[in-house]
C-alpha atoms as a PDB file:
ATOM      1  CA  MET A   1     -23.500  77.454   9.582  1.00  0.00           C
ATOM      2  CA  ALA A   2     -20.366  78.024   7.591  1.00  0.00           C
ATOM      3  CA  ASN A   3     -20.115  81.699   8.971  1.00  0.00           C
ATOM      4  CA  LEU A   4     -20.490  80.338  12.613  1.00  0.00           C
ATOM      5  CA  GLU A   5     -17.510  77.790  11.881  1.00  0.00           C
ATOM      6  CA  MET A   6     -15.371  80.207  10.239  1.00  0.00           C
ATOM      7  CA  SER A   7     -15.828  82.936  12.993  1.00  0.00           C
ATOM      8  CA  MET A   8     -14.891  80.195  15.503  1.00  0.00           C
ATOM      9  CA  ASN A   9     -11.757  79.390  13.631  1.00  0.00           C
ATOM     10  CA  GLU A  10     -11.074  83.038  13.215  1.00  0.00           C
ATOM     11  CA  LYS A  11     -11.257  83.651  17.023  1.00  0.00           C
ATOM     12  CA  LEU A  12      -9.076  80.475  17.880  1.00  0.00           C
ATOM     13  CA  GLN A  13      -6.358  81.531  15.207  1.00  0.00           C
ATOM     14  CA  THR A  14      -6.163  85.110  16.326  1.00  0.00           C
ATOM     15  CA  SER A  15      -5.780  84.231  20.117  1.00  0.00           C
ATOM     16  CA  ASN A  16      -2.919  81.595  19.507  1.00  0.00           C
ATOM     17  CA  PRO A  17      -2.773  79.276  16.776  1.00  0.00           C
ATOM     18  CA  PHE A  18      -0.902  76.681  18.791  1.00  0.00           C
ATOM     19  CA  HIS A  19      -3.491  76.199  21.701  1.00  0.00           C
ATOM     20  CA  PHE A  20      -5.898  74.146  19.829  1.00  0.00           C
ATOM     21  CA  ALA A  21      -6.533  71.313  17.662  1.00  0.00           C
ATOM     22  CA  ILE A  22      -9.377  70.243  15.080  1.00  0.00           C
ATOM     23  CA  LEU A  23     -10.684  67.174  13.908  1.00  0.00           C
ATOM     24  CA  VAL A  24     -12.039  67.083  10.334  1.00  0.00           C
ATOM     25  CA  ASP A  25     -15.186  64.581   9.872  1.00  0.00           C
ATOM     26  CA  ASP A  26     -16.071  62.718   6.872  1.00  0.00           C
ATOM     27  CA  GLN A  27     -18.241  65.728   5.528  1.00  0.00           C
ATOM     28  CA  GLY A  28     -15.312  68.050   5.908  1.00  0.00           C
ATOM     29  CA  ARG A  29     -16.489  69.873   9.039  1.00  0.00           C
ATOM     30  CA  GLU A  30     -14.029  71.074  11.561  1.00  0.00           C
ATOM     31  CA  ILE A  31     -14.533  69.909  15.104  1.00  0.00           C
ATOM     32  CA  ALA A  32     -12.596  71.785  17.708  1.00  0.00           C
ATOM     33  CA  ILE A  33     -11.043  69.266  20.240  1.00  0.00           C
ATOM     34  CA  THR A  34     -11.766  70.346  23.804  1.00  0.00           C
ATOM     35  CA  GLU A  35     -10.359  69.632  27.207  1.00  0.00           C
ATOM     36  CA  GLU A  36     -13.201  67.769  28.040  1.00  0.00           C
ATOM     37  CA  MET A  37     -12.851  65.378  25.020  1.00  0.00           C
ATOM     38  CA  ILE A  38      -9.223  64.782  26.033  1.00  0.00           C
ATOM     39  CA  GLN A  39     -10.076  63.996  29.642  1.00  0.00           C
ATOM     40  CA  GLN A  40     -12.945  61.670  28.660  1.00  0.00           C
ATOM     41  CA  ALA A  41     -10.407  59.826  26.226  1.00  0.00           C
ATOM     42  CA  CYS A  42      -7.719  59.479  28.972  1.00  0.00           C
ATOM     43  CA  ALA A  43     -10.475  58.206  31.346  1.00  0.00           C
ATOM     44  CA  ASP A  44     -11.620  55.664  28.667  1.00  0.00           C
ATOM     45  CA  LEU A  45      -8.022  54.642  28.029  1.00  0.00           C
ATOM     46  CA  ALA A  46      -7.416  54.217  31.804  1.00  0.00           C
ATOM     47  CA  LYS A  47     -10.414  51.658  32.116  1.00  0.00           C
ATOM     48  CA  ARG A  48      -9.005  49.454  29.397  1.00  0.00           C
ATOM     49  CA  CYS A  49      -5.410  49.385  30.484  1.00  0.00           C
ATOM     50  CA  GLN A  50      -4.076  46.312  32.492  1.00  0.00           C
ATOM     51  CA  TYR A  51      -1.770  47.510  35.152  1.00  0.00           C
ATOM     52  CA  PRO A  52       0.940  45.040  36.373  1.00  0.00           C
ATOM     53  CA  THR A  53       0.326  43.388  39.646  1.00  0.00           C
ATOM     54  CA  ILE A  54       2.685  44.472  42.540  1.00  0.00           C
ATOM     55  CA  ARG A  55       5.648  42.176  43.044  1.00  0.00           C
ATOM     56  CA  LYS A  56       7.017  41.292  46.355  1.00  0.00           C
ATOM     57  CA  ALA A  57      10.740  42.339  46.811  1.00  0.00           C
ATOM     58  CA  ALA A  58      13.149  39.295  46.613  1.00  0.00           C
END
């Protein structure tokens, strides 16, 4: 498993080290943050937001 994780990290680093991010879990495993994860987090946040009501012009 470590070899698989290392090869994934090596591939990401050789392409461009600034186009990815990684989370480290409690066991020290690296988890690549995907676009899908970010989109899901934004959707969850949007559900929790309370948008202001529209005010009529004075």
